[in-house]
Amino acid sequence: MARSRSYKEYLHEQLQDPEAAAAYLNAALEDDDLHVFLLALRDIAEAQGGMSHLASETDLNRESLYKTLSIRGNPRLSSLRSVLGACGLSISIQPSH
């Protein structure tokens, strides 16, 4: 009998791909609560090596990353760009429809 794996394991495997990670973040942005985006970004950070790895890649403090990417987080644009860049992603602005 095949061993099943948790949703979190499956999600983290999928989020290692930048295309899937970008789609995940775009879906999170569609939610009215912008904190959903931060939690989605945290999922991506965990999938791509964890907070310690992300801290070393971005020169940001690991503890502040946990705080920034939490439900109460309020990241600066520079921090957000650093985190996204370390995950192989970038910010793009498009006209609304």
C-alpha atoms as a PDB file:
ATOM      1  CA  MET A   1       0.000   0.000   0.000  1.00  0.00           C
ATOM      2  CA  ALA A   2       1.389   3.395  -0.994  1.00  0.00           C
ATOM      3  CA  ARG A   3       2.159   5.835   1.772  1.00  0.00           C
ATOM      4  CA  SER A   4       0.105   8.997   1.506  1.00  0.00           C
ATOM      5  CA  ARG A   5       1.680  12.343   2.138  1.00  0.00           C
ATOM      6  CA  SER A   6       0.324  15.426   3.756  1.00  0.00           C
ATOM      7  CA  TYR A   7      -1.093  18.379   1.892  1.00  0.00           C
ATOM      8  CA  LYS A   8       1.769  20.528   3.230  1.00  0.00           C
ATOM      9  CA  GLU A   9       4.379  18.164   1.782  1.00  0.00           C
ATOM     10  CA  TYR A  10       2.628  18.196  -1.591  1.00  0.00           C
ATOM     11  CA  LEU A  11       2.245  21.987  -1.515  1.00  0.00           C
ATOM     12  CA  HIS A  12       5.914  22.538  -0.684  1.00  0.00           C
ATOM     13  CA  GLU A  13       6.948  20.225  -3.508  1.00  0.00           C
ATOM     14  CA  GLN A  14       4.792  22.191  -5.970  1.00  0.00           C
ATOM     15  CA  LEU A  15       5.960  25.602  -4.701  1.00  0.00           C
ATOM     16  CA  GLN A  16       9.582  24.845  -5.530  1.00  0.00           C
ATOM     17  CA  ASP A  17       8.665  25.641  -9.131  1.00  0.00           C
ATOM     18  CA  PRO A  18       8.673  29.445  -9.717  1.00  0.00           C
ATOM     19  CA  GLU A  19       5.720  29.200 -12.146  1.00  0.00           C
ATOM     20  CA  ALA A  20       3.596  27.380  -9.565  1.00  0.00           C
ATOM     21  CA  ALA A  21       4.749  29.766  -6.838  1.00  0.00           C
ATOM     22  CA  ALA A  22       3.755  32.781  -8.959  1.00  0.00           C
ATOM     23  CA  ALA A  23       0.308  31.289  -9.634  1.00  0.00           C
ATOM     24  CA  TYR A  24      -0.118  30.562  -5.915  1.00  0.00           C
ATOM     25  CA  LEU A  25       0.725  34.164  -4.990  1.00  0.00           C
ATOM     26  CA  ASN A  26      -1.541  35.586  -7.700  1.00  0.00           C
ATOM     27  CA  ALA A  27      -4.411  33.470  -6.380  1.00  0.00           C
ATOM     28  CA  ALA A  28      -3.672  34.735  -2.852  1.00  0.00           C
ATOM     29  CA  LEU A  29      -3.844  38.335  -4.103  1.00  0.00           C
ATOM     30  CA  GLU A  30      -7.416  37.738  -5.253  1.00  0.00           C
ATOM     31  CA  ASP A  31      -8.510  37.357  -1.621  1.00  0.00           C
ATOM     32  CA  ASP A  32      -9.852  40.492   0.064  1.00  0.00           C
ATOM     33  CA  ASP A  33      -7.527  39.905   3.030  1.00  0.00           C
ATOM     34  CA  LEU A  34      -3.997  40.926   1.992  1.00  0.00           C
ATOM     35  CA  HIS A  35      -2.560  38.889   4.864  1.00  0.00           C
ATOM     36  CA  VAL A  36      -3.440  35.799   2.819  1.00  0.00           C
ATOM     37  CA  PHE A  37      -0.700  36.940   0.415  1.00  0.00           C
ATOM     38  CA  LEU A  38       1.852  37.091   3.242  1.00  0.00           C
ATOM     39  CA  LEU A  39       0.927  33.608   4.431  1.00  0.00           C
ATOM     40  CA  ALA A  40       1.206  32.305   0.854  1.00  0.00           C
ATOM     41  CA  LEU A  41       4.640  33.910   0.561  1.00  0.00           C
ATOM     42  CA  ARG A  42       5.611  32.217   3.821  1.00  0.00           C
ATOM     43  CA  ASP A  43       4.548  28.854   2.346  1.00  0.00           C
ATOM     44  CA  ILE A  44       6.805  29.546  -0.644  1.00  0.00           C
ATOM     45  CA  ALA A  45       9.709  30.568   1.587  1.00  0.00           C
ATOM     46  CA  GLU A  46       9.357  27.355   3.597  1.00  0.00           C
ATOM     47  CA  ALA A  47       9.169  25.300   0.400  1.00  0.00           C
ATOM     48  CA  GLN A  48      12.345  26.842  -0.978  1.00  0.00           C
ATOM     49  CA  GLY A  49      14.649  26.155   1.942  1.00  0.00           C
ATOM     50  CA  GLY A  50      13.045  27.735   4.989  1.00  0.00           C
ATOM     51  CA  MET A  51      13.489  30.991   6.849  1.00  0.00           C
ATOM     52  CA  SER A  52      17.161  30.456   7.715  1.00  0.00           C
ATOM     53  CA  HIS A  53      18.018  29.945   4.048  1.00  0.00           C
ATOM     54  CA  LEU A  54      15.872  32.917   3.039  1.00  0.00           C
ATOM     55  CA  ALA A  55      17.524  35.089   5.691  1.00  0.00           C
ATOM     56  CA  SER A  56      20.975  34.301   4.309  1.00  0.00           C
ATOM     57  CA  GLU A  57      19.818  34.941   0.730  1.00  0.00           C
ATOM     58  CA  THR A  58      18.196  38.289   1.544  1.00  0.00           C
ATOM     59  CA  ASP A  59      20.445  39.611   4.339  1.00  0.00           C
ATOM     60  CA  LEU A  60      17.296  39.997   6.451  1.00  0.00           C
ATOM     61  CA  ASN A  61      17.007  38.777  10.026  1.00  0.00           C
ATOM     62  CA  ARG A  62      15.343  35.341  10.355  1.00  0.00           C
ATOM     63  CA  GLU A  63      13.147  36.455  13.262  1.00  0.00           C
ATOM     64  CA  SER A  64      11.985  39.514  11.357  1.00  0.00           C
ATOM     65  CA  LEU A  65      11.150  37.331   8.376  1.00  0.00           C
ATOM     66  CA  TYR A  66       8.895  35.197  10.553  1.00  0.00           C
ATOM     67  CA  LYS A  67       7.207  38.357  11.820  1.00  0.00           C
ATOM     68  CA  THR A  68       6.986  39.975   8.377  1.00  0.00           C
ATOM     69  CA  LEU A  69       5.430  36.886   6.790  1.00  0.00           C
ATOM     70  CA  SER A  70       2.904  36.343   9.544  1.00  0.00           C
ATOM     71  CA  ILE A  71      -0.784  37.247   9.735  1.00  0.00           C
ATOM     72  CA  ARG A  72       0.254  40.477  11.485  1.00  0.00           C
ATOM     73  CA  GLY A  73       3.062  41.210   9.035  1.00  0.00           C
ATOM     74  CA  ASN A  74       3.467  44.572   7.366  1.00  0.00           C
ATOM     75  CA  PRO A  75       6.513  44.289   5.119  1.00  0.00           C
ATOM     76  CA  ARG A  76       8.310  47.173   3.522  1.00  0.00           C
ATOM     77  CA  LEU A  77       8.416  47.094  -0.251  1.00  0.00           C
ATOM     78  CA  SER A  78      12.193  46.607  -0.146  1.00  0.00           C
ATOM     79  CA  SER A  79      11.813  43.545   2.098  1.00  0.00           C
ATOM     80  CA  LEU A  80       9.067  42.148  -0.092  1.00  0.00           C
ATOM     81  CA  ARG A  81      11.211  42.578  -3.209  1.00  0.00           C
ATOM     82  CA  SER A  82      14.153  40.864  -1.485  1.00  0.00           C
ATOM     83  CA  VAL A  83      12.056  37.897  -0.401  1.00  0.00           C
ATOM     84  CA  LEU A  84      10.409  37.526  -3.800  1.00  0.00           C
ATOM     85  CA  GLY A  85      13.765  37.809  -5.553  1.00  0.00           C
ATOM     86  CA  ALA A  86      15.287  35.096  -3.362  1.00  0.00           C
ATOM     87  CA  CYS A  87      12.359  32.859  -4.356  1.00  0.00           C
ATOM     88  CA  GLY A  88      12.902  33.518  -8.071  1.00  0.00           C
ATOM     89  CA  LEU A  89       9.931  35.900  -8.346  1.00  0.00           C
ATOM     90  CA  SER A  90       9.394  39.594  -8.995  1.00  0.00           C
ATOM     91  CA  ILE A  91       6.640  42.195  -8.679  1.00  0.00           C
ATOM     92  CA  SER A  92       4.754  43.355 -11.747  1.00  0.00           C
ATOM     93  CA  ILE A  93       2.055  46.001 -11.982  1.00  0.00           C
ATOM     94  CA  GLN A  94      -0.731  45.683 -14.549  1.00  0.00           C
ATOM     95  CA  PRO A  95      -3.695  47.879 -15.386  1.00  0.00           C
ATOM     96  CA  SER A  96      -6.935  46.811 -13.737  1.00  0.00           C
ATOM     97  CA  HIS A  97      -9.739  45.657 -15.965  1.00  0.00           C
END
